[in-house]
């Protein structure tokens, strides 16, 4: 019984360390990205030109571009994977770190709010 508890504790510590490293990497990617310079001038102009706060609007734009053939498919795949892959580890780490997230409705609700930007 003690061995199982110690393994759980070790896994929890590993999960916390991995979660902190993941959040640091995610913050760096979100705020620095792969472009280190702002082409637009002020910070507010940059944010206005490079952000989208309407949920699923980019996905619907890519879907309509795919069906109409307006855009190269490699651009669509690269952007959708670029939006999906950085947040995928959150789906693994949240249930490891928080026991309430092991229940599917709580996890689904958390992921919904995360996707909406709350």
PDB file of N, CA and C in Angstrom:
ATOM      1  N   UNK A   1       0.817  -1.193   0.000  1.00  0.00           N
ATOM      2  CA  UNK A   1       0.000   0.000   0.000  1.00  0.00           C
ATOM      3  C   UNK A   1       0.865   1.263   0.000  1.00  0.00           C
ATOM      4  N   UNK A   2       1.966   1.246   0.781  1.00  0.00           N
ATOM      5  CA  UNK A   2       2.845   2.405   0.817  1.00  0.00           C
ATOM      6  C   UNK A   2       3.529   2.623  -0.528  1.00  0.00           C
ATOM      7  N   UNK A   3       3.831   1.524  -1.208  1.00  0.00           N
ATOM      8  CA  UNK A   3       4.502   1.636  -2.502  1.00  0.00           C
ATOM      9  C   UNK A   3       3.586   2.322  -3.508  1.00  0.00           C
ATOM     10  N   UNK A   4       2.321   1.968  -3.500  1.00  0.00           N
ATOM     11  CA  UNK A   4       1.369   2.585  -4.425  1.00  0.00           C
ATOM     12  C   UNK A   4       1.229   4.071  -4.136  1.00  0.00           C
ATOM     13  N   UNK A   5       1.145   4.451  -2.851  1.00  0.00           N
ATOM     14  CA  UNK A   5       1.035   5.861  -2.500  1.00  0.00           C
ATOM     15  C   UNK A   5       2.284   6.627  -2.893  1.00  0.00           C
ATOM     16  N   UNK A   6       3.454   6.027  -2.716  1.00  0.00           N
ATOM     17  CA  UNK A   6       4.682   6.724  -3.082  1.00  0.00           C
ATOM     18  C   UNK A   6       4.790   6.878  -4.601  1.00  0.00           C
ATOM     19  N   UNK A   7       4.318   5.874  -5.347  1.00  0.00           N
ATOM     20  CA  UNK A   7       4.313   5.998  -6.807  1.00  0.00           C
ATOM     21  C   UNK A   7       3.355   7.092  -7.255  1.00  0.00           C
ATOM     22  N   UNK A   8       2.212   7.187  -6.617  1.00  0.00           N
ATOM     23  CA  UNK A   8       1.265   8.247  -6.958  1.00  0.00           C
ATOM     24  C   UNK A   8       1.866   9.620  -6.686  1.00  0.00           C
ATOM     25  N   UNK A   9       2.571   9.711  -5.569  1.00  0.00           N
ATOM     26  CA  UNK A   9       3.186  10.990  -5.219  1.00  0.00           C
ATOM     27  C   UNK A   9       4.280  11.367  -6.220  1.00  0.00           C
ATOM     28  N   UNK A  10       5.076  10.401  -6.609  1.00  0.00           N
ATOM     29  CA  UNK A  10       6.127  10.658  -7.592  1.00  0.00           C
ATOM     30  C   UNK A  10       5.504  11.071  -8.926  1.00  0.00           C
ATOM     31  N   UNK A  11       4.458  10.366  -9.347  1.00  0.00           N
ATOM     32  CA  UNK A  11       3.781  10.725 -10.598  1.00  0.00           C
ATOM     33  C   UNK A  11       3.172  12.120 -10.522  1.00  0.00           C
ATOM     34  N   UNK A  12       2.639  12.466  -9.374  1.00  0.00           N
ATOM     35  CA  UNK A  12       2.048  13.799  -9.210  1.00  0.00           C
ATOM     36  C   UNK A  12       3.123  14.879  -9.285  1.00  0.00           C
ATOM     37  N   UNK A  13       4.266  14.639  -8.666  1.00  0.00           N
ATOM     38  CA  UNK A  13       5.362  15.612  -8.727  1.00  0.00           C
ATOM     39  C   UNK A  13       5.877  15.747 -10.154  1.00  0.00           C
ATOM     40  N   UNK A  14       6.018  14.629 -10.854  1.00  0.00           N
ATOM     41  CA  UNK A  14       6.438  14.670 -12.260  1.00  0.00           C
ATOM     42  C   UNK A  14       5.407  15.433 -13.091  1.00  0.00           C
ATOM     43  N   UNK A  15       4.137  15.199 -12.820  1.00  0.00           N
ATOM     44  CA  UNK A  15       3.080  15.916 -13.538  1.00  0.00           C
ATOM     45  C   UNK A  15       3.116  17.409 -13.276  1.00  0.00           C
ATOM     46  N   UNK A  16       3.382  17.807 -12.038  1.00  0.00           N
ATOM     47  CA  UNK A  16       3.458  19.234 -11.704  1.00  0.00           C
ATOM     48  C   UNK A  16       4.642  19.883 -12.413  1.00  0.00           C
ATOM     49  N   UNK A  17       5.794  19.225 -12.370  1.00  0.00           N
ATOM     50  CA  UNK A  17       6.976  19.770 -13.049  1.00  0.00           C
ATOM     51  C   UNK A  17       6.729  19.857 -14.554  1.00  0.00           C
ATOM     52  N   UNK A  18       6.161  18.803 -15.134  1.00  0.00           N
ATOM     53  CA  UNK A  18       5.862  18.817 -16.564  1.00  0.00           C
ATOM     54  C   UNK A  18       4.842  19.908 -16.891  1.00  0.00           C
ATOM     55  N   UNK A  19       3.855  20.087 -16.019  1.00  0.00           N
ATOM     56  CA  UNK A  19       2.850  21.127 -16.241  1.00  0.00           C
ATOM     57  C   UNK A  19       3.432  22.525 -16.200  1.00  0.00           C
ATOM     58  N   UNK A  20       4.330  22.761 -15.257  1.00  0.00           N
ATOM     59  CA  UNK A  20       4.960  24.080 -15.168  1.00  0.00           C
ATOM     60  C   UNK A  20       5.835  24.337 -16.394  1.00  0.00           C
ATOM     61  N   UNK A  21       6.628  23.341 -16.790  1.00  0.00           N
ATOM     62  CA  UNK A  21       7.461  23.494 -17.987  1.00  0.00           C
ATOM     63  C   UNK A  21       6.603  23.699 -19.235  1.00  0.00           C
ATOM     64  N   UNK A  22       5.507  22.973 -19.316  1.00  0.00           N
ATOM     65  CA  UNK A  22       4.580  23.118 -20.442  1.00  0.00           C
ATOM     66  C   UNK A  22       3.989  24.522 -20.486  1.00  0.00           C
ATOM     67  N   UNK A  23       3.547  25.045 -19.341  1.00  0.00           N
ATOM     68  CA  UNK A  23       2.963  26.384 -19.313  1.00  0.00           C
ATOM     69  C   UNK A  23       3.981  27.457 -19.680  1.00  0.00           C
ATOM     70  N   UNK A  24       5.224  27.290 -19.250  1.00  0.00           N
ATOM     71  CA  UNK A  24       6.274  28.238 -19.626  1.00  0.00           C
ATOM     72  C   UNK A  24       6.507  28.204 -21.134  1.00  0.00           C
ATOM     73  N   UNK A  25       6.608  27.001 -21.688  1.00  0.00           N
ATOM     74  CA  UNK A  25       6.808  26.869 -23.133  1.00  0.00           C
ATOM     75  C   UNK A  25       5.617  27.416 -23.906  1.00  0.00           C
ATOM     76  N   UNK A  26       4.408  27.137 -23.433  1.00  0.00           N
ATOM     77  CA  UNK A  26       3.208  27.620 -24.104  1.00  0.00           C
ATOM     78  C   UNK A  26       3.132  29.143 -24.066  1.00  0.00           C
ATOM     79  N   UNK A  27       3.460  29.737 -22.920  1.00  0.00           N
ATOM     80  CA  UNK A  27       3.449  31.202 -22.817  1.00  0.00           C
ATOM     81  C   UNK A  27       4.481  31.810 -23.754  1.00  0.00           C
ATOM     82  N   UNK A  28       5.644  31.185 -23.857  1.00  0.00           N
ATOM     83  CA  UNK A  28       6.667  31.705 -24.759  1.00  0.00           C
ATOM     84  C   UNK A  28       6.185  31.636 -26.208  1.00  0.00           C
ATOM     85  N   UNK A  29       5.583  30.514 -26.583  1.00  0.00           N
ATOM     86  CA  UNK A  29       5.090  30.364 -27.954  1.00  0.00           C
ATOM     87  C   UNK A  29       3.959  31.358 -28.232  1.00  0.00           C
ATOM     88  N   UNK A  30       3.047  31.524 -27.267  1.00  0.00           N
ATOM     89  CA  UNK A  30       1.914  32.423 -27.487  1.00  0.00           C
ATOM     90  C   UNK A  30       2.335  33.882 -27.586  1.00  0.00           C
ATOM     91  N   UNK A  31       3.284  34.304 -26.742  1.00  0.00           N
ATOM     92  CA  UNK A  31       3.639  35.715 -26.717  1.00  0.00           C
ATOM     93  C   UNK A  31       4.807  36.073 -27.624  1.00  0.00           C
ATOM     94  N   UNK A  32       5.710  35.145 -27.862  1.00  0.00           N
ATOM     95  CA  UNK A  32       6.826  35.412 -28.768  1.00  0.00           C
ATOM     96  C   UNK A  32       6.593  34.800 -30.127  1.00  0.00           C
ATOM     97  N   UNK A  33       5.962  33.650 -30.137  1.00  0.00           N
ATOM     98  CA  UNK A  33       5.690  32.963 -31.379  1.00  0.00           C
ATOM     99  C   UNK A  33       6.959  32.647 -32.134  1.00  0.00           C
ATOM    100  N   UNK A  34       6.819  32.551 -33.404  1.00  0.00           N
ATOM    101  CA  UNK A  34       7.961  32.280 -34.246  1.00  0.00           C
ATOM    102  C   UNK A  34       8.405  33.549 -34.964  1.00  0.00           C
ATOM    103  N   UNK A  35       7.757  34.664 -34.663  1.00  0.00           N
ATOM    104  CA  UNK A  35       8.168  35.961 -35.193  1.00  0.00           C
ATOM    105  C   UNK A  35       8.615  36.803 -34.011  1.00  0.00           C
ATOM    106  N   UNK A  36       9.789  37.353 -34.090  1.00  0.00           N
ATOM    107  CA  UNK A  36      10.284  38.126 -32.962  1.00  0.00           C
ATOM    108  C   UNK A  36      10.074  39.621 -33.137  1.00  0.00           C
ATOM    109  N   UNK A  37       9.599  40.053 -34.283  1.00  0.00           N
ATOM    110  CA  UNK A  37       9.407  41.478 -34.494  1.00  0.00           C
ATOM    111  C   UNK A  37       7.946  41.787 -34.819  1.00  0.00           C
ATOM    112  N   UNK A  38       7.554  43.000 -34.494  1.00  0.00           N
ATOM    113  CA  UNK A  38       6.208  43.450 -34.819  1.00  0.00           C
ATOM    114  C   UNK A  38       6.293  44.309 -36.072  1.00  0.00           C
ATOM    115  N   UNK A  39       5.519  43.951 -37.072  1.00  0.00           N
ATOM    116  CA  UNK A  39       5.546  44.690 -38.320  1.00  0.00           C
ATOM    117  C   UNK A  39       4.566  45.857 -38.312  1.00  0.00           C
ATOM    118  N   UNK A  40       3.619  45.863 -37.383  1.00  0.00           N
ATOM    119  CA  UNK A  40       2.509  46.812 -37.445  1.00  0.00           C
ATOM    120  C   UNK A  40       2.739  48.109 -36.694  1.00  0.00           C
ATOM    121  N   UNK A  41       3.722  48.205 -35.851  1.00  0.00           N
ATOM    122  CA  UNK A  41       3.918  49.431 -35.077  1.00  0.00           C
ATOM    123  C   UNK A  41       3.653  49.196 -33.604  1.00  0.00           C
ATOM    124  N   UNK A  42       2.526  49.696 -33.091  1.00  0.00           N
ATOM    125  CA  UNK A  42       2.236  49.587 -31.665  1.00  0.00           C
ATOM    126  C   UNK A  42       1.739  48.188 -31.315  1.00  0.00           C
ATOM    127  N   UNK A  43       1.761  47.904 -30.023  1.00  0.00           N
ATOM    128  CA  UNK A  43       1.304  46.601 -29.526  1.00  0.00           C
ATOM    129  C   UNK A  43      -0.164  46.375 -29.856  1.00  0.00           C
ATOM    130  N   UNK A  44      -1.003  47.372 -29.687  1.00  0.00           N
ATOM    131  CA  UNK A  44      -2.435  47.227 -29.957  1.00  0.00           C
ATOM    132  C   UNK A  44      -2.700  46.976 -31.445  1.00  0.00           C
ATOM    133  N   UNK A  45      -1.936  47.599 -32.313  1.00  0.00           N
ATOM    134  CA  UNK A  45      -2.088  47.337 -33.747  1.00  0.00           C
ATOM    135  C   UNK A  45      -1.675  45.902 -34.075  1.00  0.00           C
ATOM    136  N   UNK A  46      -0.612  45.441 -33.421  1.00  0.00           N
ATOM    137  CA  UNK A  46      -0.152  44.066 -33.632  1.00  0.00           C
ATOM    138  C   UNK A  46      -1.206  43.066 -33.158  1.00  0.00           C
ATOM    139  N   UNK A  47      -1.758  43.303 -31.961  1.00  0.00           N
ATOM    140  CA  UNK A  47      -2.791  42.412 -31.428  1.00  0.00           C
ATOM    141  C   UNK A  47      -4.021  42.434 -32.322  1.00  0.00           C
ATOM    142  N   UNK A  48      -4.432  43.589 -32.780  1.00  0.00           N
ATOM    143  CA  UNK A  48      -5.598  43.691 -33.656  1.00  0.00           C
ATOM    144  C   UNK A  48      -5.404  42.979 -34.985  1.00  0.00           C
ATOM    145  N   UNK A  49      -4.173  42.971 -35.480  1.00  0.00           N
ATOM    146  CA  UNK A  49      -3.911  42.360 -36.784  1.00  0.00           C
ATOM    147  C   UNK A  49      -3.644  40.859 -36.703  1.00  0.00           C
ATOM    148  N   UNK A  50      -3.202  40.358 -35.537  1.00  0.00           N
ATOM    149  CA  UNK A  50      -2.754  38.971 -35.452  1.00  0.00           C
ATOM    150  C   UNK A  50      -3.542  38.102 -34.478  1.00  0.00           C
ATOM    151  N   UNK A  51      -4.650  38.567 -33.967  1.00  0.00           N
ATOM    152  CA  UNK A  51      -5.439  37.752 -33.046  1.00  0.00           C
ATOM    153  C   UNK A  51      -6.865  37.621 -33.539  1.00  0.00           C
ATOM    154  N   UNK A  52      -7.519  36.573 -33.036  1.00  0.00           N
ATOM    155  CA  UNK A  52      -8.898  36.302 -33.412  1.00  0.00           C
ATOM    156  C   UNK A  52      -9.601  35.785 -32.151  1.00  0.00           C
ATOM    157  N   UNK A  53     -10.554  36.535 -31.661  1.00  0.00           N
ATOM    158  CA  UNK A  53     -11.241  36.162 -30.429  1.00  0.00           C
ATOM    159  C   UNK A  53     -12.627  35.580 -30.669  1.00  0.00           C
ATOM    160  N   UNK A  54     -12.976  35.303 -31.909  1.00  0.00           N
ATOM    161  CA  UNK A  54     -14.269  34.700 -32.238  1.00  0.00           C
ATOM    162  C   UNK A  54     -14.062  33.187 -32.334  1.00  0.00           C
ATOM    163  N   UNK A  55     -14.674  32.413 -31.431  1.00  0.00           N
ATOM    164  CA  UNK A  55     -14.461  30.965 -31.445  1.00  0.00           C
ATOM    165  C   UNK A  55     -14.879  30.330 -32.768  1.00  0.00           C
ATOM    166  N   UNK A  56     -14.045  29.451 -33.275  1.00  0.00           N
ATOM    167  CA  UNK A  56     -14.279  28.614 -34.453  1.00  0.00           C
ATOM    168  C   UNK A  56     -14.386  29.399 -35.764  1.00  0.00           C
ATOM    169  N   UNK A  57     -14.131  30.702 -35.777  1.00  0.00           N
ATOM    170  CA  UNK A  57     -14.231  31.438 -37.047  1.00  0.00           C
ATOM    171  C   UNK A  57     -13.108  31.040 -38.002  1.00  0.00           C
ATOM    172  N   UNK A  58     -11.910  30.810 -37.484  1.00  0.00           N
ATOM    173  CA  UNK A  58     -10.803  30.401 -38.345  1.00  0.00           C
ATOM    174  C   UNK A  58     -11.052  29.012 -38.909  1.00  0.00           C
ATOM    175  N   UNK A  59     -11.592  28.117 -38.093  1.00  0.00           N
ATOM    176  CA  UNK A  59     -11.879  26.761 -38.559  1.00  0.00           C
ATOM    177  C   UNK A  59     -12.935  26.800 -39.662  1.00  0.00           C
ATOM    178  N   UNK A  60     -13.971  27.607 -39.484  1.00  0.00           N
ATOM    179  CA  UNK A  60     -14.994  27.690 -40.533  1.00  0.00           C
ATOM    180  C   UNK A  60     -14.434  28.337 -41.798  1.00  0.00           C
ATOM    181  N   UNK A  61     -13.534  29.318 -41.643  1.00  0.00           N
ATOM    182  CA  UNK A  61     -12.892  29.926 -42.811  1.00  0.00           C
ATOM    183  C   UNK A  61     -12.040  28.894 -43.554  1.00  0.00           C
ATOM    184  N   UNK A  62     -11.272  28.107 -42.810  1.00  0.00           N
ATOM    185  CA  UNK A  62     -10.446  27.080 -43.451  1.00  0.00           C
ATOM    186  C   UNK A  62     -11.300  26.009 -44.115  1.00  0.00           C
ATOM    187  N   UNK A  63     -12.408  25.651 -43.481  1.00  0.00           N
ATOM    188  CA  UNK A  63     -13.297  24.647 -44.081  1.00  0.00           C
ATOM    189  C   UNK A  63     -13.880  25.162 -45.392  1.00  0.00           C
ATOM    190  N   UNK A  64     -14.345  26.408 -45.406  1.00  0.00           N
ATOM    191  CA  UNK A  64     -14.901  26.959 -46.648  1.00  0.00           C
ATOM    192  C   UNK A  64     -13.805  27.140 -47.697  1.00  0.00           C
ATOM    193  N   UNK A  65     -12.588  27.483 -47.281  1.00  0.00           N
ATOM    194  CA  UNK A  65     -11.477  27.600 -48.228  1.00  0.00           C
ATOM    195  C   UNK A  65     -11.104  26.242 -48.795  1.00  0.00           C
ATOM    196  N   UNK A  66     -11.172  25.219 -47.969  1.00  0.00           N
ATOM    197  CA  UNK A  66     -10.858  23.867 -48.429  1.00  0.00           C
ATOM    198  C   UNK A  66     -11.883  23.385 -49.447  1.00  0.00           C
ATOM    199  N   UNK A  67     -13.168  23.596 -49.158  1.00  0.00           N
ATOM    200  CA  UNK A  67     -14.207  23.111 -50.065  1.00  0.00           C
ATOM    201  C   UNK A  67     -14.244  23.904 -51.373  1.00  0.00           C
ATOM    202  N   UNK A  68     -13.892  25.186 -51.320  1.00  0.00           N
ATOM    203  CA  UNK A  68     -13.920  25.990 -52.543  1.00  0.00           C
ATOM    204  C   UNK A  68     -12.585  25.973 -53.287  1.00  0.00           C
ATOM    205  N   UNK A  69     -11.533  25.483 -52.656  1.00  0.00           N
ATOM    206  CA  UNK A  69     -10.224  25.440 -53.289  1.00  0.00           C
ATOM    207  C   UNK A  69      -9.531  26.790 -53.332  1.00  0.00           C
ATOM    208  N   UNK A  70      -9.928  27.720 -52.450  1.00  0.00           N
ATOM    209  CA  UNK A  70      -9.341  29.057 -52.428  1.00  0.00           C
ATOM    210  C   UNK A  70      -7.919  29.077 -51.882  1.00  0.00           C
ATOM    211  N   UNK A  71      -7.597  28.160 -50.994  1.00  0.00           N
ATOM    212  CA  UNK A  71      -6.323  28.199 -50.290  1.00  0.00           C
ATOM    213  C   UNK A  71      -5.613  26.862 -50.444  1.00  0.00           C
ATOM    214  N   UNK A  72      -4.300  26.918 -50.415  1.00  0.00           N
ATOM    215  CA  UNK A  72      -3.493  25.719 -50.488  1.00  0.00           C
ATOM    216  C   UNK A  72      -3.766  24.833 -49.264  1.00  0.00           C
ATOM    217  N   UNK A  73      -3.959  23.548 -49.475  1.00  0.00           N
ATOM    218  CA  UNK A  73      -4.300  22.641 -48.374  1.00  0.00           C
ATOM    219  C   UNK A  73      -3.185  22.528 -47.340  1.00  0.00           C
ATOM    220  N   UNK A  74      -1.930  22.690 -47.741  1.00  0.00           N
ATOM    221  CA  UNK A  74      -0.836  22.594 -46.771  1.00  0.00           C
ATOM    222  C   UNK A  74      -0.894  23.743 -45.765  1.00  0.00           C
ATOM    223  N   UNK A  75      -1.346  24.906 -46.188  1.00  0.00           N
ATOM    224  CA  UNK A  75      -1.499  26.038 -45.263  1.00  0.00           C
ATOM    225  C   UNK A  75      -2.590  25.732 -44.244  1.00  0.00           C
ATOM    226  N   UNK A  76      -3.686  25.163 -44.709  1.00  0.00           N
ATOM    227  CA  UNK A  76      -4.801  24.831 -43.822  1.00  0.00           C
ATOM    228  C   UNK A  76      -4.371  23.799 -42.791  1.00  0.00           C
ATOM    229  N   UNK A  77      -3.727  22.737 -43.236  1.00  0.00           N
ATOM    230  CA  UNK A  77      -3.298  21.667 -42.323  1.00  0.00           C
ATOM    231  C   UNK A  77      -2.265  22.199 -41.329  1.00  0.00           C
ATOM    232  N   UNK A  78      -1.311  22.975 -41.812  1.00  0.00           N
ATOM    233  CA  UNK A  78      -0.272  23.511 -40.926  1.00  0.00           C
ATOM    234  C   UNK A  78      -0.856  24.416 -39.848  1.00  0.00           C
ATOM    235  N   UNK A  79      -1.784  25.277 -40.219  1.00  0.00           N
ATOM    236  CA  UNK A  79      -2.382  26.181 -39.232  1.00  0.00           C
ATOM    237  C   UNK A  79      -3.278  25.448 -38.239  1.00  0.00           C
ATOM    238  N   UNK A  80      -4.078  24.489 -38.712  1.00  0.00           N
ATOM    239  CA  UNK A  80      -4.947  23.759 -37.787  1.00  0.00           C
ATOM    240  C   UNK A  80      -4.122  22.897 -36.816  1.00  0.00           C
ATOM    241  N   UNK A  81      -3.087  22.232 -37.328  1.00  0.00           N
ATOM    242  CA  UNK A  81      -2.223  21.458 -36.430  1.00  0.00           C
ATOM    243  C   UNK A  81      -1.447  22.373 -35.491  1.00  0.00           C
ATOM    244  N   UNK A  82      -1.065  23.541 -35.977  1.00  0.00           N
ATOM    245  CA  UNK A  82      -0.376  24.509 -35.129  1.00  0.00           C
ATOM    246  C   UNK A  82      -1.245  25.055 -34.018  1.00  0.00           C
ATOM    247  N   UNK A  83      -2.553  25.039 -34.213  1.00  0.00           N
ATOM    248  CA  UNK A  83      -3.467  25.453 -33.147  1.00  0.00           C
ATOM    249  C   UNK A  83      -3.830  24.298 -32.226  1.00  0.00           C
ATOM    250  N   UNK A  84      -3.794  23.080 -32.733  1.00  0.00           N
ATOM    251  CA  UNK A  84      -4.203  21.919 -31.945  1.00  0.00           C
ATOM    252  C   UNK A  84      -3.052  21.360 -31.096  1.00  0.00           C
ATOM    253  N   UNK A  85      -1.911  21.162 -31.686  1.00  0.00           N
ATOM    254  CA  UNK A  85      -0.806  20.475 -31.010  1.00  0.00           C
ATOM    255  C   UNK A  85      -0.266  21.180 -29.757  1.00  0.00           C
ATOM    256  N   UNK A  86      -0.151  22.520 -29.740  1.00  0.00           N
ATOM    257  CA  UNK A  86       0.353  23.137 -28.507  1.00  0.00           C
ATOM    258  C   UNK A  86      -0.562  22.936 -27.295  1.00  0.00           C
ATOM    259  N   UNK A  87      -1.859  22.752 -27.528  1.00  0.00           N
ATOM    260  CA  UNK A  87      -2.791  22.600 -26.414  1.00  0.00           C
ATOM    261  C   UNK A  87      -3.115  21.147 -26.093  1.00  0.00           C
ATOM    262  N   UNK A  88      -2.650  20.223 -26.883  1.00  0.00           N
ATOM    263  CA  UNK A  88      -2.914  18.804 -26.661  1.00  0.00           C
ATOM    264  C   UNK A  88      -2.386  18.307 -25.312  1.00  0.00           C
ATOM    265  N   UNK A  89      -1.177  18.704 -24.887  1.00  0.00           N
ATOM    266  CA  UNK A  89      -0.699  18.229 -23.580  1.00  0.00           C
ATOM    267  C   UNK A  89      -1.580  18.643 -22.409  1.00  0.00           C
ATOM    268  N   UNK A  90      -2.328  19.733 -22.557  1.00  0.00           N
ATOM    269  CA  UNK A  90      -3.224  20.148 -21.478  1.00  0.00           C
ATOM    270  C   UNK A  90      -4.283  19.084 -21.213  1.00  0.00           C
ATOM    271  N   UNK A  91      -4.713  18.402 -22.251  1.00  0.00           N
ATOM    272  CA  UNK A  91      -5.690  17.331 -22.092  1.00  0.00           C
ATOM    273  C   UNK A  91      -5.147  16.140 -21.329  1.00  0.00           C
ATOM    274  N   UNK A  92      -3.846  15.979 -21.325  1.00  0.00           N
ATOM    275  CA  UNK A  92      -3.216  14.890 -20.579  1.00  0.00           C
ATOM    276  C   UNK A  92      -2.858  15.338 -19.167  1.00  0.00           C
ATOM    277  N   UNK A  93      -2.356  16.566 -19.024  1.00  0.00           N
ATOM    278  CA  UNK A  93      -1.877  17.033 -17.726  1.00  0.00           C
ATOM    279  C   UNK A  93      -2.996  17.408 -16.766  1.00  0.00           C
ATOM    280  N   UNK A  94      -4.083  17.986 -17.247  1.00  0.00           N
ATOM    281  CA  UNK A  94      -5.152  18.393 -16.329  1.00  0.00           C
ATOM    282  C   UNK A  94      -5.740  17.221 -15.541  1.00  0.00           C
ATOM    283  N   UNK A  95      -6.099  16.106 -16.185  1.00  0.00           N
ATOM    284  CA  UNK A  95      -6.607  14.986 -15.385  1.00  0.00           C
ATOM    285  C   UNK A  95      -5.560  14.385 -14.443  1.00  0.00           C
ATOM    286  N   UNK A  96      -4.281  14.490 -14.797  1.00  0.00           N
ATOM    287  CA  UNK A  96      -3.230  13.973 -13.910  1.00  0.00           C
ATOM    288  C   UNK A  96      -3.105  14.816 -12.653  1.00  0.00           C
ATOM    289  N   UNK A  97      -3.267  16.123 -12.787  1.00  0.00           N
ATOM    290  CA  UNK A  97      -3.000  17.032 -11.673  1.00  0.00           C
ATOM    291  C   UNK A  97      -4.220  17.308 -10.805  1.00  0.00           C
ATOM    292  N   UNK A  98      -5.405  17.315 -11.396  1.00  0.00           N
ATOM    293  CA  UNK A  98      -6.600  17.677 -10.652  1.00  0.00           C
ATOM    294  C   UNK A  98      -7.604  16.538 -10.714  1.00  0.00           C
ATOM    295  N   UNK A  99      -7.994  16.037  -9.562  1.00  0.00           N
ATOM    296  CA  UNK A  99      -8.852  14.854  -9.526  1.00  0.00           C
ATOM    297  C   UNK A  99     -10.221  15.133 -10.119  1.00  0.00           C
ATOM    298  N   UNK A 100     -10.720  16.366 -10.042  1.00  0.00           N
ATOM    299  CA  UNK A 100     -12.031  16.673 -10.620  1.00  0.00           C
ATOM    300  C   UNK A 100     -12.021  16.576 -12.135  1.00  0.00           C
ATOM    301  N   UNK A 101     -10.859  16.780 -12.736  1.00  0.00           N
ATOM    302  CA  UNK A 101     -10.757  16.728 -14.193  1.00  0.00           C
ATOM    303  C   UNK A 101     -10.846  15.297 -14.725  1.00  0.00           C
ATOM    304  N   UNK A 102     -10.778  14.314 -13.829  1.00  0.00           N
ATOM    305  CA  UNK A 102     -10.902  12.928 -14.271  1.00  0.00           C
ATOM    306  C   UNK A 102     -12.342  12.595 -14.650  1.00  0.00           C
ATOM    307  N   UNK A 103     -13.259  13.403 -14.171  1.00  0.00           N
ATOM    308  CA  UNK A 103     -14.659  13.233 -14.572  1.00  0.00           C
ATOM    309  C   UNK A 103     -14.869  13.946 -15.898  1.00  0.00           C
ATOM    310  N   UNK A 104     -15.430  13.281 -16.849  1.00  0.00           N
ATOM    311  CA  UNK A 104     -15.528  13.810 -18.212  1.00  0.00           C
ATOM    312  C   UNK A 104     -16.289  15.129 -18.311  1.00  0.00           C
ATOM    313  N   UNK A 105     -17.417  15.332 -17.616  1.00  0.00           N
ATOM    314  CA  UNK A 105     -18.112  16.622 -17.762  1.00  0.00           C
ATOM    315  C   UNK A 105     -17.261  17.810 -17.316  1.00  0.00           C
ATOM    316  N   UNK A 106     -16.514  17.673 -16.209  1.00  0.00           N
ATOM    317  CA  UNK A 106     -15.651  18.764 -15.749  1.00  0.00           C
ATOM    318  C   UNK A 106     -14.545  19.032 -16.756  1.00  0.00           C
ATOM    319  N   UNK A 107     -13.969  17.969 -17.281  1.00  0.00           N
ATOM    320  CA  UNK A 107     -12.902  18.103 -18.264  1.00  0.00           C
ATOM    321  C   UNK A 107     -13.419  18.774 -19.531  1.00  0.00           C
ATOM    322  N   UNK A 108     -14.585  18.351 -19.987  1.00  0.00           N
ATOM    323  CA  UNK A 108     -15.170  18.932 -21.194  1.00  0.00           C
ATOM    324  C   UNK A 108     -15.479  20.412 -20.989  1.00  0.00           C
ATOM    325  N   UNK A 109     -16.020  20.758 -19.832  1.00  0.00           N
ATOM    326  CA  UNK A 109     -16.327  22.154 -19.526  1.00  0.00           C
ATOM    327  C   UNK A 109     -15.057  22.998 -19.478  1.00  0.00           C
ATOM    328  N   UNK A 110     -14.013  22.478 -18.861  1.00  0.00           N
ATOM    329  CA  UNK A 110     -12.748  23.204 -18.785  1.00  0.00           C
ATOM    330  C   UNK A 110     -12.153  23.417 -20.168  1.00  0.00           C
ATOM    331  N   UNK A 111     -12.176  22.395 -20.989  1.00  0.00           N
ATOM    332  CA  UNK A 111     -11.630  22.526 -22.336  1.00  0.00           C
ATOM    333  C   UNK A 111     -12.454  23.489 -23.182  1.00  0.00           C
ATOM    334  N   UNK A 112     -13.767  23.507 -22.979  1.00  0.00           N
ATOM    335  CA  UNK A 112     -14.615  24.447 -23.707  1.00  0.00           C
ATOM    336  C   UNK A 112     -14.241  25.886 -23.369  1.00  0.00           C
ATOM    337  N   UNK A 113     -14.105  26.178 -22.082  1.00  0.00           N
ATOM    338  CA  UNK A 113     -13.748  27.536 -21.673  1.00  0.00           C
ATOM    339  C   UNK A 113     -12.330  27.903 -22.106  1.00  0.00           C
ATOM    340  N   UNK A 114     -11.439  26.922 -22.123  1.00  0.00           N
ATOM    341  CA  UNK A 114     -10.084  27.176 -22.588  1.00  0.00           C
ATOM    342  C   UNK A 114     -10.092  27.509 -24.073  1.00  0.00           C
ATOM    343  N   UNK A 115     -10.896  26.791 -24.848  1.00  0.00           N
ATOM    344  CA  UNK A 115     -10.986  27.064 -26.277  1.00  0.00           C
ATOM    345  C   UNK A 115     -11.619  28.424 -26.558  1.00  0.00           C
ATOM    346  N   UNK A 116     -12.535  28.838 -25.706  1.00  0.00           N
ATOM    347  CA  UNK A 116     -13.179  30.131 -25.893  1.00  0.00           C
ATOM    348  C   UNK A 116     -12.310  31.281 -25.405  1.00  0.00           C
ATOM    349  N   UNK A 117     -11.230  30.979 -24.732  1.00  0.00           N
ATOM    350  CA  UNK A 117     -10.302  32.016 -24.296  1.00  0.00           C
ATOM    351  C   UNK A 117     -10.560  32.557 -22.909  1.00  0.00           C
ATOM    352  N   UNK A 118     -11.334  31.863 -22.087  1.00  0.00           N
ATOM    353  CA  UNK A 118     -11.588  32.326 -20.725  1.00  0.00           C
ATOM    354  C   UNK A 118     -10.510  31.843 -19.798  1.00  0.00           C
TER     355      UNK A 118
END
